[in-house]
Amino acid sequence: MRSISAFGRLEQFYPEPRLDTGHPVQGPSSTRPFVPQRVGSAGVAPVDVSFGPFRLLPTQLLLLEGDKPVCLGSRALEILIALLERRGELVSKQDLMARVWPNVFVEPANLTVHMSALRRALRDGRDGHRFIVNIPGRGYCFVGKVDVLEHEN
């Protein structure tokens, strides 16, 4: 009985850590995201996001080059969507990890691996295309020209 009451007193000094999931990944200076929901629903206009030779259909989690699908994992696609939503802004590594792996602790190397796969799929830095810039130790920024097209339902 004594150990239970002692634990109760210790808990006030060492509360159980909780993940802060109440804050959105987007910063206050960003515009509304072009992906309000993952699945299409009534009232949500479908969106096409074009950059370079690529077209992203975020609600379908589909990246196209021309008319051909680009083979890319869901984590890398989620990174791309997060960067496109905040294009021109620095997105910290912590923000990206919280977005891609919510409520899960992962090593920063996981972000590096998926970022590498994304850059490889986009051929970033080749053929005169530069889409993603790394700010060492801080995060990433999408710097390519982006066209967002909303379709009427």
Protein backbone atom coordinates (compact mmCIF):
# COMPACT_ATOMS: atom_id res chain seq x y z
CA MET A 1 0.00 0.00 0.00
CA ARG A 2 2.87 2.32 0.83
CA SER A 3 4.40 1.96 -2.67
CA ILE A 4 1.14 3.01 -4.37
CA SER A 5 0.86 6.20 -2.35
CA ALA A 6 4.56 6.92 -2.93
CA PHE A 7 4.04 6.50 -6.67
CA GLY A 8 1.18 8.99 -6.57
CA ARG A 9 3.47 11.56 -4.96
CA LEU A 10 6.25 10.89 -7.48
CA GLU A 11 3.85 11.31 -10.37
CA GLN A 12 3.44 14.99 -9.56
CA PHE A 13 7.18 15.47 -10.11
CA TYR A 14 7.59 13.09 -13.03
CA PRO A 15 4.38 13.23 -15.07
CA GLU A 16 4.02 10.74 -17.86
CA PRO A 17 5.31 12.30 -21.09
CA ARG A 18 2.64 12.97 -23.68
CA LEU A 19 3.04 13.77 -27.33
CA ASP A 20 1.94 17.26 -28.33
CA THR A 21 -0.50 16.54 -31.13
CA GLY A 22 -2.60 19.65 -30.68
CA HIS A 23 -0.52 21.83 -32.97
CA PRO A 24 -0.71 21.66 -36.76
CA VAL A 25 2.48 21.14 -38.72
CA GLN A 26 1.85 24.27 -40.73
CA GLY A 27 3.17 27.59 -39.54
CA PRO A 28 0.98 30.66 -39.12
CA SER A 29 2.32 32.33 -42.27
CA SER A 30 1.28 29.53 -44.59
CA THR A 31 -1.87 29.59 -46.68
CA ARG A 32 -4.57 27.03 -46.28
CA PRO A 33 -3.37 23.55 -47.21
CA PHE A 34 -4.38 22.20 -50.59
CA VAL A 35 -5.05 18.83 -48.99
CA PRO A 36 -7.83 19.47 -46.49
CA GLN A 37 -8.71 15.77 -46.28
CA ARG A 38 -7.16 12.56 -47.58
CA VAL A 39 -10.33 11.10 -49.03
CA GLY A 40 -12.57 12.91 -51.44
CA SER A 41 -15.84 14.01 -49.89
CA ALA A 42 -18.72 16.27 -50.80
CA GLY A 43 -17.73 19.92 -50.80
CA VAL A 44 -13.99 19.31 -51.12
CA ALA A 45 -12.66 20.32 -54.52
CA PRO A 46 -10.10 17.92 -55.98
CA VAL A 47 -6.68 19.47 -56.48
CA ASP A 48 -3.87 18.98 -58.98
CA VAL A 49 -0.44 20.28 -58.06
CA SER A 50 2.04 20.59 -60.93
CA PHE A 51 5.76 21.23 -60.79
CA GLY A 52 8.34 20.50 -63.47
CA PRO A 53 7.24 17.38 -65.38
CA PHE A 54 5.30 16.11 -62.36
CA ARG A 55 1.69 16.28 -61.26
CA LEU A 56 0.60 15.40 -57.74
CA LEU A 57 -2.94 14.27 -56.92
CA PRO A 58 -2.70 14.56 -53.12
CA THR A 59 -6.17 13.25 -52.29
CA GLN A 60 -5.29 10.05 -54.17
CA LEU A 61 -1.68 9.91 -52.89
CA LEU A 62 -0.56 9.71 -56.51
CA LEU A 63 2.43 11.32 -58.21
CA LEU A 64 2.50 11.31 -62.00
CA GLU A 65 5.25 12.10 -64.47
CA GLY A 66 3.31 12.89 -67.61
CA ASP A 67 0.65 10.19 -67.52
CA LYS A 68 2.80 7.54 -65.82
CA PRO A 69 2.66 6.91 -62.06
CA VAL A 70 5.91 7.47 -60.18
CA CYS A 71 6.85 4.61 -57.86
CA LEU A 72 7.13 6.28 -54.47
CA GLY A 73 6.26 5.13 -50.97
CA SER A 74 3.56 6.73 -48.86
CA ARG A 75 6.05 8.29 -46.41
CA ALA A 76 7.99 10.00 -49.21
CA LEU A 77 4.69 11.20 -50.71
CA GLU A 78 3.64 12.59 -47.34
CA ILE A 79 6.96 14.47 -47.13
CA LEU A 80 6.37 15.88 -50.61
CA ILE A 81 2.84 17.00 -49.71
CA ALA A 82 4.07 18.69 -46.53
CA LEU A 83 6.81 20.53 -48.45
CA LEU A 84 4.41 21.58 -51.21
CA GLU A 85 1.87 22.89 -48.69
CA ARG A 86 4.56 25.15 -47.30
CA ARG A 87 6.47 25.81 -50.52
CA GLY A 88 9.06 28.54 -50.24
CA GLU A 89 9.26 28.09 -46.45
CA LEU A 90 11.74 26.20 -44.35
CA VAL A 91 10.04 23.09 -42.95
CA SER A 92 11.97 21.79 -39.98
CA LYS A 93 12.98 18.17 -39.69
CA GLN A 94 10.91 17.94 -36.51
CA ASP A 95 7.79 19.20 -38.32
CA LEU A 96 8.28 16.71 -41.13
CA MET A 97 8.82 13.82 -38.74
CA ALA A 98 5.74 14.78 -36.73
CA ARG A 99 3.70 14.91 -39.94
CA VAL A 100 4.95 11.68 -41.48
CA TRP A 101 5.25 9.61 -38.29
CA PRO A 102 2.61 11.03 -35.93
CA ASN A 103 2.75 9.78 -32.35
CA VAL A 104 5.74 7.56 -33.15
CA PHE A 105 9.39 8.06 -32.28
CA VAL A 106 11.70 7.40 -35.22
CA GLU A 107 15.34 8.15 -35.77
CA PRO A 108 16.16 11.18 -37.95
CA ALA A 109 17.84 8.76 -40.35
CA ASN A 110 14.35 7.59 -41.40
CA LEU A 111 13.59 11.06 -42.69
CA THR A 112 16.90 11.11 -44.54
CA VAL A 113 16.17 7.77 -46.23
CA HIS A 114 12.71 8.81 -47.41
CA MET A 115 13.93 12.25 -48.49
CA SER A 116 16.63 10.54 -50.55
CA ALA A 117 14.02 8.30 -52.22
CA LEU A 118 11.86 11.35 -52.96
CA ARG A 119 14.75 13.29 -54.49
CA ARG A 120 15.77 10.28 -56.55
CA ALA A 121 12.23 9.86 -57.90
CA LEU A 122 12.04 13.58 -58.76
CA ARG A 123 15.56 13.50 -60.25
CA ASP A 124 16.18 16.55 -58.09
CA GLY A 125 19.35 18.37 -59.09
CA ARG A 126 19.51 16.71 -62.54
CA ASP A 127 18.41 17.99 -65.94
CA GLY A 128 18.29 21.54 -64.58
CA HIS A 129 15.50 20.71 -62.11
CA ARG A 130 15.86 21.83 -58.52
CA PHE A 131 12.86 21.19 -56.31
CA ILE A 132 14.05 20.61 -52.73
CA VAL A 133 16.80 22.46 -50.91
CA ASN A 134 18.33 21.17 -47.68
CA ILE A 135 19.27 23.69 -45.00
CA PRO A 136 21.80 21.63 -43.02
CA GLY A 137 20.74 20.89 -39.47
CA ARG A 138 17.43 22.76 -39.85
CA GLY A 139 15.18 21.26 -42.50
CA TYR A 140 14.04 21.40 -46.11
CA CYS A 141 12.43 23.89 -48.46
CA PHE A 142 10.53 23.27 -51.70
CA VAL A 143 11.87 25.84 -54.17
CA GLY A 144 10.42 24.72 -57.51
CA LYS A 145 7.69 26.61 -59.36
CA VAL A 146 4.31 25.17 -58.41
CA ASP A 147 0.92 25.46 -60.12
CA VAL A 148 -2.13 24.55 -58.03
CA LEU A 149 -5.34 23.83 -59.91
CA GLU A 150 -8.61 23.27 -58.08
CA HIS A 151 -11.38 21.49 -59.98
CA GLU A 152 -15.05 22.22 -59.52
CA ASN A 153 -17.21 19.26 -58.54
